[in-house]
Amino acid sequence: MARELIELIDNRLSRLAMDSTETEIPYELGYFDSMEHLTGLGFVACQTFMAAIYGISKIDKKKALSVGPKHSCGSTIAGITNAAANYWKHNNEWVLDKSPKQRKFIEDAFEDVGFPADTEYPLSGVLTKLSEPNPASFMSVFRKLAVWSKELQIA
């Protein structure tokens, strides 16, 4: 199920990207905002996949997120993916947050990967960084999470 959802999101992102090149005013037409929100949903789909794996396996979340392929910054793909999903779900609440610990953790993860959370369209930047050396896509990230899943089972 996760794979099908990720393919659907990738297809829609590709279509929005193509449509945005066919106009001189893609920003004004909301293409980039739509792509950023859809990218957030893609990270949540990946996070849901990961939660199902470590939940079924009865593996502690913190341990699970420390396993698997790593980005060139040294952080795990699973950990960065989890931070990106949490960013999308919670960043609008940050102005109300009395405990900035989780926010700092997410900001540090984005900074480590090379695309700070306070930039415009940070989720799209993180997706690009996680997909490297391939073009930005959730299928590229999902393949790395499939490796994570196998490594988690033997960890």
N, C-alpha and C. Protein backbone atom coordinates (compact mmCIF):
# COMPACT_ATOMS: atom_id res chain seq x y z
N MET A 1 0.82 -1.20 0.00
CA MET A 1 0.00 0.00 0.00
C MET A 1 0.86 1.27 0.00
N ALA A 2 1.93 1.27 0.81
CA ALA A 2 2.80 2.45 0.87
C ALA A 2 3.41 2.74 -0.49
N ARG A 3 3.85 1.70 -1.16
CA ARG A 3 4.48 1.88 -2.47
C ARG A 3 3.52 2.53 -3.46
N GLU A 4 2.28 2.10 -3.48
CA GLU A 4 1.29 2.66 -4.40
C GLU A 4 1.03 4.13 -4.10
N LEU A 5 0.94 4.47 -2.82
CA LEU A 5 0.72 5.85 -2.43
C LEU A 5 1.91 6.72 -2.83
N ILE A 6 3.10 6.20 -2.62
CA ILE A 6 4.31 6.94 -2.98
C ILE A 6 4.39 7.15 -4.49
N GLU A 7 4.03 6.14 -5.26
CA GLU A 7 4.01 6.29 -6.71
C GLU A 7 3.00 7.35 -7.13
N LEU A 8 1.84 7.36 -6.49
CA LEU A 8 0.81 8.35 -6.78
C LEU A 8 1.31 9.76 -6.48
N ILE A 9 1.95 9.93 -5.34
CA ILE A 9 2.50 11.24 -4.96
C ILE A 9 3.59 11.66 -5.94
N ASP A 10 4.50 10.74 -6.27
CA ASP A 10 5.55 11.07 -7.24
C ASP A 10 4.96 11.48 -8.59
N ASN A 11 3.94 10.77 -9.04
CA ASN A 11 3.31 11.11 -10.32
C ASN A 11 2.71 12.51 -10.29
N ARG A 12 2.04 12.83 -9.19
CA ARG A 12 1.42 14.16 -9.07
C ARG A 12 2.49 15.25 -8.97
N LEU A 13 3.57 14.98 -8.23
CA LEU A 13 4.65 15.95 -8.15
C LEU A 13 5.27 16.20 -9.52
N SER A 14 5.45 15.14 -10.29
CA SER A 14 6.01 15.28 -11.64
C SER A 14 5.10 16.13 -12.52
N ARG A 15 3.81 15.88 -12.41
CA ARG A 15 2.84 16.64 -13.21
C ARG A 15 2.84 18.12 -12.83
N LEU A 16 2.87 18.40 -11.52
CA LEU A 16 2.91 19.79 -11.07
C LEU A 16 4.20 20.47 -11.54
N ALA A 17 5.31 19.76 -11.47
CA ALA A 17 6.59 20.33 -11.93
C ALA A 17 6.53 20.64 -13.42
N MET A 18 5.96 19.73 -14.20
CA MET A 18 5.85 19.95 -15.63
C MET A 18 4.91 21.13 -15.91
N ASP A 19 3.79 21.17 -15.23
CA ASP A 19 2.84 22.27 -15.42
C ASP A 19 3.46 23.61 -15.05
N SER A 20 4.30 23.61 -14.02
CA SER A 20 4.90 24.87 -13.58
C SER A 20 5.88 25.45 -14.61
N THR A 21 6.41 24.58 -15.46
CA THR A 21 7.34 25.07 -16.49
C THR A 21 6.60 25.64 -17.71
N GLU A 22 5.30 25.41 -17.75
CA GLU A 22 4.51 25.85 -18.89
C GLU A 22 3.87 27.22 -18.67
N THR A 23 4.25 27.90 -17.59
CA THR A 23 3.73 29.23 -17.33
C THR A 23 4.87 30.14 -16.88
N GLU A 24 4.68 31.41 -17.09
CA GLU A 24 5.68 32.38 -16.65
C GLU A 24 5.47 32.79 -15.20
N ILE A 25 4.37 32.37 -14.61
CA ILE A 25 4.07 32.78 -13.23
C ILE A 25 3.72 31.58 -12.33
N PRO A 26 4.60 30.57 -12.28
CA PRO A 26 4.26 29.38 -11.48
C PRO A 26 4.12 29.69 -9.99
N TYR A 27 4.91 30.62 -9.49
CA TYR A 27 4.83 30.97 -8.07
C TYR A 27 3.47 31.57 -7.76
N GLU A 28 3.03 32.51 -8.59
CA GLU A 28 1.74 33.17 -8.39
C GLU A 28 0.56 32.21 -8.52
N LEU A 29 0.72 31.19 -9.33
CA LEU A 29 -0.36 30.21 -9.53
C LEU A 29 -0.37 29.12 -8.45
N GLY A 30 0.58 29.17 -7.53
CA GLY A 30 0.59 28.26 -6.40
C GLY A 30 1.20 26.90 -6.66
N TYR A 31 1.89 26.74 -7.77
CA TYR A 31 2.48 25.43 -8.07
C TYR A 31 3.48 25.00 -7.01
N PHE A 32 4.35 25.91 -6.59
CA PHE A 32 5.40 25.54 -5.63
C PHE A 32 4.82 25.25 -4.25
N ASP A 33 3.80 26.01 -3.87
CA ASP A 33 3.12 25.73 -2.59
C ASP A 33 2.45 24.36 -2.63
N SER A 34 1.78 24.06 -3.74
CA SER A 34 1.14 22.75 -3.88
C SER A 34 2.15 21.62 -3.82
N MET A 35 3.28 21.82 -4.48
CA MET A 35 4.32 20.79 -4.48
C MET A 35 4.90 20.60 -3.08
N GLU A 36 5.06 21.69 -2.34
CA GLU A 36 5.60 21.58 -0.98
C GLU A 36 4.64 20.81 -0.07
N HIS A 37 3.34 21.11 -0.17
CA HIS A 37 2.37 20.39 0.65
C HIS A 37 2.30 18.91 0.28
N LEU A 38 2.35 18.63 -0.99
CA LEU A 38 2.34 17.24 -1.45
C LEU A 38 3.62 16.52 -1.01
N THR A 39 4.73 17.22 -0.99
CA THR A 39 5.98 16.64 -0.51
C THR A 39 5.86 16.30 0.97
N GLY A 40 5.22 17.17 1.74
CA GLY A 40 4.98 16.86 3.15
C GLY A 40 4.16 15.60 3.32
N LEU A 41 3.14 15.46 2.50
CA LEU A 41 2.31 14.26 2.54
C LEU A 41 3.13 13.02 2.18
N GLY A 42 4.05 13.17 1.24
CA GLY A 42 4.92 12.05 0.87
C GLY A 42 5.81 11.62 2.03
N PHE A 43 6.32 12.59 2.78
CA PHE A 43 7.13 12.24 3.95
C PHE A 43 6.28 11.54 5.01
N VAL A 44 5.05 11.96 5.18
CA VAL A 44 4.17 11.30 6.14
C VAL A 44 3.85 9.88 5.69
N ALA A 45 3.69 9.67 4.39
CA ALA A 45 3.47 8.31 3.88
C ALA A 45 4.67 7.43 4.20
N CYS A 46 5.87 7.97 4.02
CA CYS A 46 7.09 7.21 4.35
C CYS A 46 7.17 6.96 5.86
N GLN A 47 6.82 7.95 6.66
CA GLN A 47 6.85 7.80 8.11
C GLN A 47 5.85 6.73 8.56
N THR A 48 4.70 6.69 7.94
CA THR A 48 3.69 5.69 8.27
C THR A 48 4.20 4.29 7.93
N PHE A 49 4.87 4.15 6.80
CA PHE A 49 5.49 2.89 6.43
C PHE A 49 6.50 2.46 7.49
N MET A 50 7.36 3.40 7.90
CA MET A 50 8.38 3.07 8.90
C MET A 50 7.74 2.68 10.23
N ALA A 51 6.72 3.42 10.66
CA ALA A 51 6.06 3.12 11.93
C ALA A 51 5.43 1.73 11.91
N ALA A 52 4.88 1.34 10.78
CA ALA A 52 4.30 0.00 10.67
C ALA A 52 5.39 -1.06 10.82
N ILE A 53 6.53 -0.83 10.21
CA ILE A 53 7.62 -1.81 10.27
C ILE A 53 8.15 -1.95 11.69
N TYR A 54 8.52 -0.85 12.34
CA TYR A 54 9.09 -1.00 13.67
C TYR A 54 8.03 -1.32 14.71
N GLY A 55 6.78 -0.95 14.44
CA GLY A 55 5.69 -1.31 15.36
C GLY A 55 5.41 -2.81 15.35
N ILE A 56 5.28 -3.36 14.16
CA ILE A 56 5.04 -4.80 14.02
C ILE A 56 6.21 -5.59 14.59
N SER A 57 7.42 -5.07 14.37
CA SER A 57 8.63 -5.76 14.84
C SER A 57 8.90 -5.54 16.33
N LYS A 58 8.10 -4.66 16.95
CA LYS A 58 8.27 -4.32 18.38
C LYS A 58 9.67 -3.82 18.68
N ILE A 59 10.14 -2.93 17.81
CA ILE A 59 11.45 -2.33 17.97
C ILE A 59 11.25 -0.87 18.40
N ASP A 60 11.98 -0.45 19.39
CA ASP A 60 11.90 0.92 19.88
C ASP A 60 12.12 1.91 18.74
N LYS A 61 11.29 2.95 18.69
CA LYS A 61 11.35 3.93 17.60
C LYS A 61 12.73 4.58 17.50
N LYS A 62 13.29 5.00 18.62
CA LYS A 62 14.60 5.66 18.59
C LYS A 62 15.67 4.74 18.01
N LYS A 63 15.63 3.47 18.41
CA LYS A 63 16.58 2.50 17.86
C LYS A 63 16.33 2.30 16.36
N ALA A 64 15.06 2.17 16.00
CA ALA A 64 14.72 1.94 14.60
C ALA A 64 15.21 3.08 13.70
N LEU A 65 15.08 4.30 14.17
CA LEU A 65 15.47 5.45 13.35
C LEU A 65 16.99 5.63 13.28
N SER A 66 17.72 4.89 14.09
CA SER A 66 19.18 4.99 14.07
C SER A 66 19.83 3.94 13.16
N VAL A 67 19.01 3.09 12.54
CA VAL A 67 19.48 1.99 11.71
C VAL A 67 19.32 2.36 10.24
N GLY A 68 20.13 1.73 9.40
CA GLY A 68 19.91 1.80 7.96
C GLY A 68 20.82 2.76 7.23
N PRO A 69 20.53 2.93 5.94
CA PRO A 69 21.38 3.77 5.09
C PRO A 69 21.49 5.18 5.65
N LYS A 70 22.66 5.76 5.41
CA LYS A 70 22.91 7.11 5.91
C LYS A 70 23.07 8.09 4.75
N HIS A 71 22.67 9.29 5.02
CA HIS A 71 22.91 10.40 4.10
C HIS A 71 24.38 10.79 4.25
N SER A 72 24.91 11.49 3.30
CA SER A 72 26.32 11.90 3.36
C SER A 72 26.64 12.74 4.60
N CYS A 73 25.63 13.34 5.24
CA CYS A 73 25.86 14.13 6.45
C CYS A 73 26.09 13.25 7.67
N GLY A 74 25.81 11.94 7.53
CA GLY A 74 26.01 11.01 8.63
C GLY A 74 24.73 10.60 9.34
N SER A 75 23.64 11.31 9.11
CA SER A 75 22.34 10.96 9.71
C SER A 75 21.66 9.89 8.88
N THR A 76 20.84 9.09 9.53
CA THR A 76 20.14 8.04 8.79
C THR A 76 19.02 8.62 7.93
N ILE A 77 18.77 7.95 6.82
CA ILE A 77 17.66 8.34 5.95
C ILE A 77 16.35 8.23 6.72
N ALA A 78 16.21 7.20 7.53
CA ALA A 78 14.99 7.02 8.32
C ALA A 78 14.80 8.18 9.29
N GLY A 79 15.85 8.59 9.97
CA GLY A 79 15.75 9.69 10.92
C GLY A 79 15.40 11.01 10.26
N ILE A 80 16.02 11.28 9.13
CA ILE A 80 15.73 12.52 8.39
C ILE A 80 14.30 12.50 7.86
N THR A 81 13.88 11.36 7.34
CA THR A 81 12.51 11.21 6.84
C THR A 81 11.51 11.46 7.95
N ASN A 82 11.76 10.90 9.11
CA ASN A 82 10.88 11.10 10.26
C ASN A 82 10.81 12.58 10.65
N ALA A 83 11.96 13.25 10.66
CA ALA A 83 12.00 14.67 11.00
C ALA A 83 11.23 15.50 9.98
N ALA A 84 11.36 15.16 8.70
CA ALA A 84 10.65 15.90 7.65
C ALA A 84 9.14 15.72 7.78
N ALA A 85 8.70 14.51 8.08
CA ALA A 85 7.27 14.27 8.27
C ALA A 85 6.75 15.06 9.48
N ASN A 86 7.51 15.06 10.55
CA ASN A 86 7.11 15.81 11.74
C ASN A 86 7.10 17.31 11.49
N TYR A 87 8.04 17.78 10.70
CA TYR A 87 8.04 19.20 10.32
C TYR A 87 6.73 19.56 9.63
N TRP A 88 6.35 18.76 8.64
CA TRP A 88 5.13 19.07 7.89
C TRP A 88 3.90 19.04 8.79
N LYS A 89 3.87 18.10 9.70
CA LYS A 89 2.70 17.96 10.58
C LYS A 89 2.64 19.05 11.65
N HIS A 90 3.79 19.53 12.10
CA HIS A 90 3.79 20.37 13.31
C HIS A 90 4.37 21.77 13.17
N ASN A 91 4.97 22.13 12.06
CA ASN A 91 5.66 23.43 12.01
C ASN A 91 4.73 24.62 12.22
N ASN A 92 3.48 24.51 11.85
CA ASN A 92 2.56 25.62 12.06
C ASN A 92 2.21 25.83 13.52
N GLU A 93 2.47 24.83 14.35
CA GLU A 93 2.22 24.94 15.78
C GLU A 93 3.39 25.55 16.53
N TRP A 94 4.52 25.69 15.89
CA TRP A 94 5.74 26.09 16.58
C TRP A 94 5.60 27.42 17.31
N VAL A 95 4.79 28.32 16.81
CA VAL A 95 4.60 29.60 17.50
C VAL A 95 3.92 29.42 18.86
N LEU A 96 3.23 28.31 19.03
CA LEU A 96 2.55 28.02 20.29
C LEU A 96 3.35 27.12 21.21
N ASP A 97 4.44 26.60 20.70
CA ASP A 97 5.22 25.58 21.41
C ASP A 97 5.96 26.15 22.61
N LYS A 98 5.65 25.60 23.77
CA LYS A 98 6.33 26.01 24.99
C LYS A 98 7.62 25.22 25.22
N SER A 99 7.75 24.09 24.51
CA SER A 99 8.93 23.23 24.64
C SER A 99 9.57 23.06 23.27
N PRO A 100 10.61 23.82 22.98
CA PRO A 100 11.19 23.81 21.64
C PRO A 100 12.13 22.64 21.33
N LYS A 101 12.18 21.63 22.19
CA LYS A 101 13.12 20.52 21.99
C LYS A 101 12.89 19.79 20.65
N GLN A 102 11.64 19.44 20.36
CA GLN A 102 11.34 18.73 19.11
C GLN A 102 11.62 19.62 17.90
N ARG A 103 11.27 20.89 18.02
CA ARG A 103 11.54 21.83 16.93
C ARG A 103 13.04 21.90 16.65
N LYS A 104 13.84 21.99 17.68
CA LYS A 104 15.30 22.06 17.53
C LYS A 104 15.84 20.80 16.87
N PHE A 105 15.31 19.65 17.26
CA PHE A 105 15.72 18.38 16.67
C PHE A 105 15.46 18.38 15.16
N ILE A 106 14.27 18.84 14.78
CA ILE A 106 13.90 18.89 13.36
C ILE A 106 14.77 19.89 12.62
N GLU A 107 14.94 21.07 13.18
CA GLU A 107 15.78 22.08 12.54
C GLU A 107 17.21 21.59 12.35
N ASP A 108 17.73 20.89 13.36
CA ASP A 108 19.09 20.34 13.25
C ASP A 108 19.18 19.30 12.13
N ALA A 109 18.16 18.46 12.01
CA ALA A 109 18.15 17.44 10.95
C ALA A 109 18.15 18.10 9.57
N PHE A 110 17.35 19.14 9.40
CA PHE A 110 17.31 19.84 8.11
C PHE A 110 18.65 20.52 7.83
N GLU A 111 19.21 21.13 8.85
CA GLU A 111 20.50 21.80 8.71
C GLU A 111 21.58 20.79 8.31
N ASP A 112 21.58 19.63 8.98
CA ASP A 112 22.57 18.59 8.68
C ASP A 112 22.52 18.13 7.23
N VAL A 113 21.31 18.00 6.72
CA VAL A 113 21.15 17.49 5.36
C VAL A 113 21.47 18.59 4.32
N GLY A 114 21.56 19.84 4.78
CA GLY A 114 21.97 20.90 3.88
C GLY A 114 20.84 21.76 3.35
N PHE A 115 19.68 21.69 3.99
CA PHE A 115 18.55 22.52 3.56
C PHE A 115 17.78 22.98 4.79
N PRO A 116 18.20 24.11 5.37
CA PRO A 116 17.61 24.58 6.63
C PRO A 116 16.09 24.75 6.58
N ALA A 117 15.46 24.51 7.72
CA ALA A 117 14.00 24.56 7.83
C ALA A 117 13.44 25.96 7.61
N ASP A 118 14.26 26.99 7.78
CA ASP A 118 13.74 28.35 7.63
C ASP A 118 13.87 28.89 6.21
N THR A 119 14.23 28.03 5.27
CA THR A 119 14.29 28.44 3.87
C THR A 119 12.92 28.22 3.23
N GLU A 120 12.75 28.79 2.05
CA GLU A 120 11.50 28.60 1.35
C GLU A 120 11.46 27.18 0.77
N TYR A 121 10.36 26.49 0.97
CA TYR A 121 10.15 25.14 0.49
C TYR A 121 11.19 24.15 1.00
N PRO A 122 11.36 24.07 2.31
CA PRO A 122 12.39 23.19 2.87
C PRO A 122 12.15 21.71 2.62
N LEU A 123 10.89 21.28 2.57
CA LEU A 123 10.62 19.85 2.36
C LEU A 123 11.06 19.41 0.98
N SER A 124 10.84 20.25 0.00
CA SER A 124 11.28 19.92 -1.36
C SER A 124 12.80 19.82 -1.41
N GLY A 125 13.47 20.69 -0.67
CA GLY A 125 14.93 20.64 -0.60
C GLY A 125 15.42 19.37 0.08
N VAL A 126 14.77 18.98 1.16
CA VAL A 126 15.16 17.75 1.86
C VAL A 126 14.92 16.54 0.97
N LEU A 127 13.79 16.51 0.26
CA LEU A 127 13.53 15.40 -0.66
C LEU A 127 14.64 15.32 -1.71
N THR A 128 15.04 16.45 -2.24
CA THR A 128 16.12 16.47 -3.24
C THR A 128 17.41 15.90 -2.64
N LYS A 129 17.74 16.33 -1.43
CA LYS A 129 18.97 15.87 -0.78
C LYS A 129 18.91 14.37 -0.46
N LEU A 130 17.75 13.88 -0.02
CA LEU A 130 17.63 12.45 0.30
C LEU A 130 17.65 11.57 -0.94
N SER A 131 17.24 12.11 -2.06
CA SER A 131 17.17 11.34 -3.30
C SER A 131 18.51 11.23 -4.01
N GLU A 132 19.43 12.13 -3.68
CA GLU A 132 20.71 12.15 -4.38
C GLU A 132 21.39 10.79 -4.34
N PRO A 133 22.00 10.36 -5.40
CA PRO A 133 22.35 11.07 -6.63
C PRO A 133 21.25 11.02 -7.69
N ASN A 134 20.11 10.47 -7.35
CA ASN A 134 18.99 10.38 -8.28
C ASN A 134 18.17 11.67 -8.25
N PRO A 135 17.32 11.88 -9.26
CA PRO A 135 16.41 13.02 -9.21
C PRO A 135 15.47 12.89 -8.01
N ALA A 136 14.97 14.01 -7.53
CA ALA A 136 14.08 14.02 -6.37
C ALA A 136 12.83 13.18 -6.63
N SER A 137 12.61 12.19 -5.76
CA SER A 137 11.39 11.38 -5.83
C SER A 137 11.25 10.58 -4.54
N PHE A 138 10.03 10.32 -4.18
CA PHE A 138 9.81 9.49 -3.01
C PHE A 138 10.14 8.03 -3.27
N MET A 139 10.08 7.60 -4.52
CA MET A 139 10.46 6.23 -4.82
C MET A 139 11.94 6.01 -4.52
N SER A 140 12.75 7.00 -4.77
CA SER A 140 14.17 6.91 -4.45
C SER A 140 14.36 6.78 -2.93
N VAL A 141 13.62 7.56 -2.17
CA VAL A 141 13.68 7.48 -0.70
C VAL A 141 13.12 6.14 -0.24
N PHE A 142 12.02 5.71 -0.83
CA PHE A 142 11.38 4.45 -0.44
C PHE A 142 12.32 3.26 -0.65
N ARG A 143 13.09 3.28 -1.72
CA ARG A 143 14.08 2.20 -1.94
C ARG A 143 15.09 2.15 -0.80
N LYS A 144 15.52 3.32 -0.34
CA LYS A 144 16.45 3.37 0.79
C LYS A 144 15.76 2.90 2.07
N LEU A 145 14.48 3.20 2.21
CA LEU A 145 13.74 2.73 3.39
C LEU A 145 13.49 1.21 3.33
N ALA A 146 13.44 0.65 2.14
CA ALA A 146 13.33 -0.81 2.01
C ALA A 146 14.61 -1.47 2.53
N VAL A 147 15.74 -0.86 2.23
CA VAL A 147 17.02 -1.35 2.77
C VAL A 147 17.01 -1.19 4.28
N TRP A 148 16.53 -0.04 4.77
CA TRP A 148 16.39 0.20 6.21
C TRP A 148 15.56 -0.91 6.86
N SER A 149 14.46 -1.26 6.25
CA SER A 149 13.58 -2.29 6.78
C SER A 149 14.30 -3.63 6.94
N LYS A 150 15.06 -4.01 5.93
CA LYS A 150 15.81 -5.26 5.99
C LYS A 150 16.89 -5.20 7.07
N GLU A 151 17.60 -4.08 7.17
CA GLU A 151 18.64 -3.94 8.18
C GLU A 151 18.03 -3.92 9.58
N LEU A 152 16.85 -3.34 9.71
CA LEU A 152 16.18 -3.27 11.00
C LEU A 152 15.81 -4.66 11.49
N GLN A 153 15.41 -5.53 10.58
CA GLN A 153 14.99 -6.87 10.94
C GLN A 153 16.15 -7.71 11.47
N ILE A 154 17.38 -7.38 11.06
CA ILE A 154 18.53 -8.16 11.52
C ILE A 154 19.33 -7.45 12.61
N ALA A 155 18.95 -6.21 12.90
CA ALA A 155 19.67 -5.43 13.92
C ALA A 155 19.37 -5.95 15.32
